[in-house]
N, C-alpha and C. Protein backbone atom coordinates (compact mmCIF):
# COMPACT_ATOMS: atom_id res chain seq x y z
N MET A 1 0.83 -1.18 0.00
CA MET A 1 0.00 0.00 0.00
C MET A 1 0.88 1.26 0.00
N PHE A 2 1.95 1.23 0.79
CA PHE A 2 2.85 2.38 0.88
C PHE A 2 3.50 2.67 -0.47
N SER A 3 4.05 1.63 -1.10
CA SER A 3 4.76 1.86 -2.36
C SER A 3 3.82 2.32 -3.46
N ASN A 4 2.63 1.76 -3.50
CA ASN A 4 1.65 2.14 -4.52
C ASN A 4 1.22 3.59 -4.33
N THR A 5 0.93 3.97 -3.09
CA THR A 5 0.49 5.33 -2.80
C THR A 5 1.60 6.33 -3.05
N LEU A 6 2.80 6.03 -2.54
CA LEU A 6 3.93 6.93 -2.74
C LEU A 6 4.27 7.03 -4.21
N GLY A 7 4.28 5.90 -4.91
CA GLY A 7 4.60 5.90 -6.33
C GLY A 7 3.61 6.69 -7.15
N THR A 8 2.34 6.52 -6.87
CA THR A 8 1.31 7.25 -7.61
C THR A 8 1.42 8.74 -7.34
N ALA A 9 1.60 9.11 -6.09
CA ALA A 9 1.71 10.53 -5.74
C ALA A 9 2.95 11.16 -6.37
N LEU A 10 4.06 10.44 -6.35
CA LEU A 10 5.29 10.96 -6.94
C LEU A 10 5.14 11.11 -8.45
N GLY A 11 4.56 10.13 -9.12
CA GLY A 11 4.35 10.22 -10.56
C GLY A 11 3.46 11.38 -10.94
N ASP A 12 2.36 11.56 -10.20
CA ASP A 12 1.46 12.69 -10.46
C ASP A 12 2.14 14.03 -10.21
N PHE A 13 2.91 14.09 -9.13
CA PHE A 13 3.62 15.34 -8.82
C PHE A 13 4.60 15.69 -9.93
N LEU A 14 5.39 14.71 -10.36
CA LEU A 14 6.39 14.99 -11.40
C LEU A 14 5.75 15.39 -12.71
N ALA A 15 4.68 14.71 -13.09
CA ALA A 15 4.03 14.99 -14.37
C ALA A 15 3.24 16.29 -14.35
N ASP A 16 2.60 16.59 -13.23
CA ASP A 16 1.68 17.73 -13.19
C ASP A 16 2.25 18.95 -12.46
N SER A 17 2.60 18.78 -11.21
CA SER A 17 2.95 19.92 -10.37
C SER A 17 4.38 20.42 -10.55
N SER A 18 5.31 19.54 -10.89
CA SER A 18 6.71 19.95 -10.97
C SER A 18 7.05 20.67 -12.28
N GLY A 19 6.21 20.50 -13.27
CA GLY A 19 6.48 21.12 -14.57
C GLY A 19 7.33 20.24 -15.49
N LEU A 20 7.72 19.05 -15.02
CA LEU A 20 8.53 18.17 -15.86
C LEU A 20 7.72 17.52 -16.98
N GLY A 21 6.44 17.36 -16.76
CA GLY A 21 5.60 16.68 -17.74
C GLY A 21 5.85 15.19 -17.72
N PHE A 22 5.17 14.47 -18.62
CA PHE A 22 5.30 13.01 -18.65
C PHE A 22 6.70 12.58 -19.06
N ALA A 23 7.26 13.22 -20.07
CA ALA A 23 8.59 12.84 -20.55
C ALA A 23 9.66 13.12 -19.50
N GLY A 24 9.63 14.30 -18.92
CA GLY A 24 10.60 14.66 -17.89
C GLY A 24 10.50 13.76 -16.68
N GLY A 25 9.26 13.46 -16.27
CA GLY A 25 9.06 12.56 -15.14
C GLY A 25 9.58 11.16 -15.41
N ALA A 26 9.31 10.67 -16.62
CA ALA A 26 9.78 9.33 -16.99
C ALA A 26 11.31 9.28 -17.05
N VAL A 27 11.92 10.32 -17.59
CA VAL A 27 13.39 10.37 -17.67
C VAL A 27 13.99 10.45 -16.27
N LEU A 28 13.42 11.28 -15.41
CA LEU A 28 13.94 11.41 -14.05
C LEU A 28 13.85 10.08 -13.29
N ILE A 29 12.66 9.47 -13.31
CA ILE A 29 12.48 8.21 -12.58
C ILE A 29 13.31 7.11 -13.22
N GLY A 30 13.38 7.07 -14.54
CA GLY A 30 14.22 6.09 -15.22
C GLY A 30 15.69 6.25 -14.84
N SER A 31 16.14 7.49 -14.70
CA SER A 31 17.51 7.75 -14.28
C SER A 31 17.75 7.28 -12.85
N LEU A 32 16.79 7.50 -11.99
CA LEU A 32 16.91 7.01 -10.61
C LEU A 32 16.96 5.49 -10.57
N LEU A 33 16.15 4.84 -11.40
CA LEU A 33 16.20 3.37 -11.48
C LEU A 33 17.56 2.90 -11.99
N LEU A 34 18.12 3.60 -12.95
CA LEU A 34 19.45 3.26 -13.45
C LEU A 34 20.49 3.41 -12.34
N LEU A 35 20.37 4.44 -11.52
CA LEU A 35 21.28 4.61 -10.39
C LEU A 35 21.16 3.46 -9.40
N VAL A 36 19.94 2.95 -9.20
CA VAL A 36 19.75 1.80 -8.31
C VAL A 36 20.47 0.58 -8.89
N VAL A 37 20.34 0.37 -10.19
CA VAL A 37 21.03 -0.75 -10.85
C VAL A 37 22.55 -0.60 -10.70
N LEU A 38 23.04 0.59 -10.96
CA LEU A 38 24.49 0.83 -10.83
C LEU A 38 24.95 0.65 -9.38
N ALA A 39 24.14 1.08 -8.43
CA ALA A 39 24.47 0.87 -7.01
C ALA A 39 24.52 -0.61 -6.68
N HIS A 40 23.62 -1.38 -7.26
CA HIS A 40 23.61 -2.83 -7.03
C HIS A 40 24.88 -3.48 -7.57
N VAL A 41 25.31 -3.04 -8.75
CA VAL A 41 26.47 -3.64 -9.41
C VAL A 41 27.79 -3.18 -8.77
N TYR A 42 27.89 -1.90 -8.43
CA TYR A 42 29.17 -1.33 -8.06
C TYR A 42 29.35 -0.99 -6.58
N THR A 43 28.34 -1.21 -5.75
CA THR A 43 28.49 -0.91 -4.33
C THR A 43 28.08 -2.11 -3.50
N ASN A 44 28.26 -1.98 -2.20
CA ASN A 44 27.85 -3.03 -1.27
C ASN A 44 26.56 -2.66 -0.54
N ILE A 45 25.80 -1.74 -1.10
CA ILE A 45 24.52 -1.37 -0.49
C ILE A 45 23.63 -2.60 -0.48
N SER A 46 22.90 -2.76 0.59
CA SER A 46 22.03 -3.92 0.76
C SER A 46 21.11 -4.11 -0.44
N SER A 47 21.08 -5.33 -0.96
CA SER A 47 20.19 -5.65 -2.07
C SER A 47 18.74 -5.49 -1.68
N VAL A 48 18.44 -5.73 -0.43
CA VAL A 48 17.05 -5.57 0.04
C VAL A 48 16.64 -4.10 -0.02
N VAL A 49 17.52 -3.22 0.43
CA VAL A 49 17.24 -1.77 0.38
C VAL A 49 17.07 -1.32 -1.07
N LEU A 50 17.99 -1.76 -1.92
CA LEU A 50 17.91 -1.36 -3.33
C LEU A 50 16.66 -1.92 -4.00
N PHE A 51 16.27 -3.15 -3.63
CA PHE A 51 15.04 -3.72 -4.18
C PHE A 51 13.85 -2.84 -3.84
N TRP A 52 13.73 -2.43 -2.57
CA TRP A 52 12.56 -1.65 -2.18
C TRP A 52 12.57 -0.26 -2.80
N ILE A 53 13.74 0.31 -2.96
CA ILE A 53 13.81 1.60 -3.66
C ILE A 53 13.32 1.43 -5.10
N ALA A 54 13.82 0.40 -5.78
CA ALA A 54 13.40 0.14 -7.16
C ALA A 54 11.92 -0.18 -7.22
N PHE A 55 11.43 -0.95 -6.24
CA PHE A 55 10.02 -1.33 -6.20
C PHE A 55 9.13 -0.09 -6.13
N VAL A 56 9.49 0.86 -5.29
CA VAL A 56 8.70 2.10 -5.16
C VAL A 56 8.81 2.93 -6.44
N LEU A 57 9.99 2.97 -7.05
CA LEU A 57 10.19 3.80 -8.25
C LEU A 57 9.53 3.24 -9.50
N THR A 58 9.26 1.93 -9.53
CA THR A 58 8.63 1.38 -10.73
C THR A 58 7.21 1.89 -10.92
N ARG A 59 6.52 2.20 -9.86
CA ARG A 59 5.14 2.70 -9.97
C ARG A 59 5.08 4.05 -10.67
N PRO A 60 5.83 5.07 -10.20
CA PRO A 60 5.76 6.35 -10.91
C PRO A 60 6.38 6.27 -12.31
N PHE A 61 7.39 5.40 -12.50
CA PHE A 61 7.96 5.26 -13.84
C PHE A 61 6.91 4.69 -14.80
N GLY A 62 6.24 3.64 -14.38
CA GLY A 62 5.21 3.04 -15.22
C GLY A 62 4.09 4.01 -15.54
N ALA A 63 3.68 4.77 -14.54
CA ALA A 63 2.58 5.71 -14.75
C ALA A 63 2.99 6.85 -15.69
N THR A 64 4.15 7.43 -15.46
CA THR A 64 4.55 8.56 -16.31
C THR A 64 4.91 8.10 -17.72
N PHE A 65 5.59 6.93 -17.85
CA PHE A 65 5.93 6.42 -19.18
C PHE A 65 4.67 6.00 -19.93
N GLY A 66 3.74 5.37 -19.22
CA GLY A 66 2.47 4.99 -19.84
C GLY A 66 1.69 6.20 -20.30
N ASP A 67 1.64 7.23 -19.47
CA ASP A 67 0.95 8.46 -19.86
C ASP A 67 1.65 9.15 -21.02
N LEU A 68 2.98 9.12 -21.02
CA LEU A 68 3.73 9.70 -22.13
C LEU A 68 3.35 9.04 -23.45
N LEU A 69 3.20 7.73 -23.43
CA LEU A 69 2.85 7.01 -24.66
C LEU A 69 1.39 7.23 -25.07
N THR A 70 0.48 7.25 -24.11
CA THR A 70 -0.95 7.24 -24.44
C THR A 70 -1.60 8.61 -24.57
N LYS A 71 -1.17 9.58 -23.82
CA LYS A 71 -1.84 10.89 -23.83
C LYS A 71 -1.60 11.61 -25.16
N VAL A 72 -2.55 12.43 -25.53
CA VAL A 72 -2.45 13.20 -26.77
C VAL A 72 -1.36 14.26 -26.64
N PRO A 73 -0.76 14.66 -27.75
CA PRO A 73 0.31 15.67 -27.69
C PRO A 73 -0.11 16.98 -27.00
N ALA A 74 -1.36 17.36 -27.12
CA ALA A 74 -1.82 18.59 -26.47
C ALA A 74 -1.69 18.51 -24.95
N LYS A 75 -1.70 17.30 -24.42
CA LYS A 75 -1.55 17.10 -22.97
C LYS A 75 -0.14 16.67 -22.60
N GLY A 76 0.79 16.71 -23.55
CA GLY A 76 2.18 16.39 -23.26
C GLY A 76 2.59 14.96 -23.56
N GLY A 77 1.71 14.20 -24.21
CA GLY A 77 2.03 12.82 -24.54
C GLY A 77 2.43 12.65 -25.99
N LEU A 78 2.64 11.41 -26.37
CA LEU A 78 3.01 11.10 -27.75
C LEU A 78 1.82 10.70 -28.61
N GLY A 79 0.67 10.42 -27.97
CA GLY A 79 -0.56 10.15 -28.70
C GLY A 79 -0.67 8.80 -29.37
N PHE A 80 0.04 7.78 -28.88
CA PHE A 80 -0.04 6.45 -29.49
C PHE A 80 -1.34 5.73 -29.15
N GLY A 81 -2.01 6.13 -28.10
CA GLY A 81 -3.21 5.42 -27.67
C GLY A 81 -2.85 4.14 -26.93
N THR A 82 -3.87 3.46 -26.43
CA THR A 82 -3.62 2.30 -25.58
C THR A 82 -3.17 1.07 -26.35
N LYS A 83 -3.73 0.84 -27.53
CA LYS A 83 -3.36 -0.36 -28.29
C LYS A 83 -1.92 -0.28 -28.80
N ALA A 84 -1.56 0.81 -29.42
CA ALA A 84 -0.19 0.97 -29.93
C ALA A 84 0.81 1.00 -28.78
N SER A 85 0.45 1.64 -27.68
CA SER A 85 1.34 1.68 -26.51
C SER A 85 1.55 0.28 -25.95
N SER A 86 0.49 -0.51 -25.90
CA SER A 86 0.62 -1.89 -25.43
C SER A 86 1.55 -2.69 -26.34
N LEU A 87 1.43 -2.46 -27.64
CA LEU A 87 2.31 -3.15 -28.59
C LEU A 87 3.77 -2.72 -28.39
N ILE A 88 4.00 -1.43 -28.21
CA ILE A 88 5.35 -0.91 -27.96
C ILE A 88 5.94 -1.55 -26.72
N LEU A 89 5.16 -1.59 -25.64
CA LEU A 89 5.65 -2.17 -24.39
C LEU A 89 5.88 -3.67 -24.52
N LEU A 90 5.05 -4.35 -25.31
CA LEU A 90 5.25 -5.78 -25.55
C LEU A 90 6.57 -6.03 -26.29
N VAL A 91 6.85 -5.20 -27.30
CA VAL A 91 8.10 -5.33 -28.05
C VAL A 91 9.30 -5.09 -27.13
N ILE A 92 9.22 -4.08 -26.27
CA ILE A 92 10.30 -3.82 -25.32
C ILE A 92 10.48 -5.01 -24.38
N LEU A 93 9.39 -5.55 -23.87
CA LEU A 93 9.45 -6.69 -22.95
C LEU A 93 10.07 -7.91 -23.63
N VAL A 94 9.59 -8.25 -24.82
CA VAL A 94 10.14 -9.40 -25.54
C VAL A 94 11.62 -9.16 -25.86
N GLY A 95 11.96 -7.95 -26.25
CA GLY A 95 13.36 -7.62 -26.54
C GLY A 95 14.25 -7.82 -25.32
N LEU A 96 13.78 -7.40 -24.16
CA LEU A 96 14.56 -7.59 -22.94
C LEU A 96 14.69 -9.06 -22.57
N ILE A 97 13.64 -9.83 -22.78
CA ILE A 97 13.69 -11.27 -22.50
C ILE A 97 14.70 -11.94 -23.43
N VAL A 98 14.66 -11.61 -24.72
CA VAL A 98 15.59 -12.19 -25.68
C VAL A 98 17.03 -11.78 -25.32
N PHE A 99 17.24 -10.51 -25.03
CA PHE A 99 18.57 -10.03 -24.65
C PHE A 99 19.10 -10.78 -23.42
N THR A 100 18.26 -10.92 -22.41
CA THR A 100 18.67 -11.61 -21.19
C THR A 100 18.97 -13.07 -21.46
N SER A 101 18.17 -13.71 -22.29
CA SER A 101 18.40 -15.12 -22.63
C SER A 101 19.71 -15.30 -23.39
N ILE A 102 19.96 -14.43 -24.35
CA ILE A 102 21.20 -14.51 -25.13
C ILE A 102 22.40 -14.26 -24.22
N ARG A 103 22.29 -13.27 -23.35
CA ARG A 103 23.40 -12.96 -22.44
C ARG A 103 23.64 -14.12 -21.48
N LYS A 104 22.59 -14.72 -20.97
CA LYS A 104 22.73 -15.85 -20.05
C LYS A 104 23.40 -17.02 -20.77
N ASN A 105 22.98 -17.31 -21.99
CA ASN A 105 23.58 -18.40 -22.76
C ASN A 105 25.04 -18.11 -23.09
N THR A 106 25.36 -16.85 -23.41
CA THR A 106 26.74 -16.48 -23.71
C THR A 106 27.63 -16.67 -22.49
N LEU A 107 27.14 -16.26 -21.32
CA LEU A 107 27.91 -16.43 -20.09
C LEU A 107 28.06 -17.90 -19.73
N ALA A 108 27.04 -18.70 -20.04
CA ALA A 108 27.11 -20.13 -19.72
C ALA A 108 28.10 -20.86 -20.62
N THR A 109 28.20 -20.43 -21.88
CA THR A 109 29.11 -21.11 -22.81
C THR A 109 30.51 -20.51 -22.81
N HIS A 110 30.65 -19.30 -22.27
CA HIS A 110 31.95 -18.62 -22.18
C HIS A 110 32.15 -18.10 -20.76
N PRO A 111 32.41 -18.98 -19.81
CA PRO A 111 32.49 -18.54 -18.40
C PRO A 111 33.56 -17.49 -18.14
N GLN A 112 34.62 -17.42 -18.93
CA GLN A 112 35.65 -16.44 -18.71
C GLN A 112 35.13 -15.02 -18.87
N ARG A 113 34.07 -14.83 -19.66
CA ARG A 113 33.48 -13.50 -19.84
C ARG A 113 32.80 -13.00 -18.57
N ASN A 114 32.42 -13.92 -17.70
CA ASN A 114 31.77 -13.56 -16.45
C ASN A 114 32.75 -12.91 -15.49
N GLN A 115 34.04 -13.05 -15.71
CA GLN A 115 35.06 -12.51 -14.82
C GLN A 115 35.40 -11.07 -15.15
N ASP A 116 34.94 -10.54 -16.29
CA ASP A 116 35.26 -9.17 -16.71
C ASP A 116 34.61 -8.14 -15.83
């Protein structure tokens, strides 16, 4: 309940009240998520703490990115509508799954690359 409420409020604030709009809000939250990933890879910060930070940030990211794709340009969106936006997100999801599978197979067949 906390993460959903905080995430929704943060997404609405960034898109509406802060003046960043949907694109600015999505870029800001996406950048924060990237920082969480980098912190996971390059620091000893607790994975549990980083998970919960990422968990809270995914809600406003999803909301602002979804609004960016679906809302009409007059409201600051790209105007793709719900069907085209769903297709775009499906392509991104499948692309990430394929990328992860290829990377996992590459690391499994070339273990020395895992040491880099």
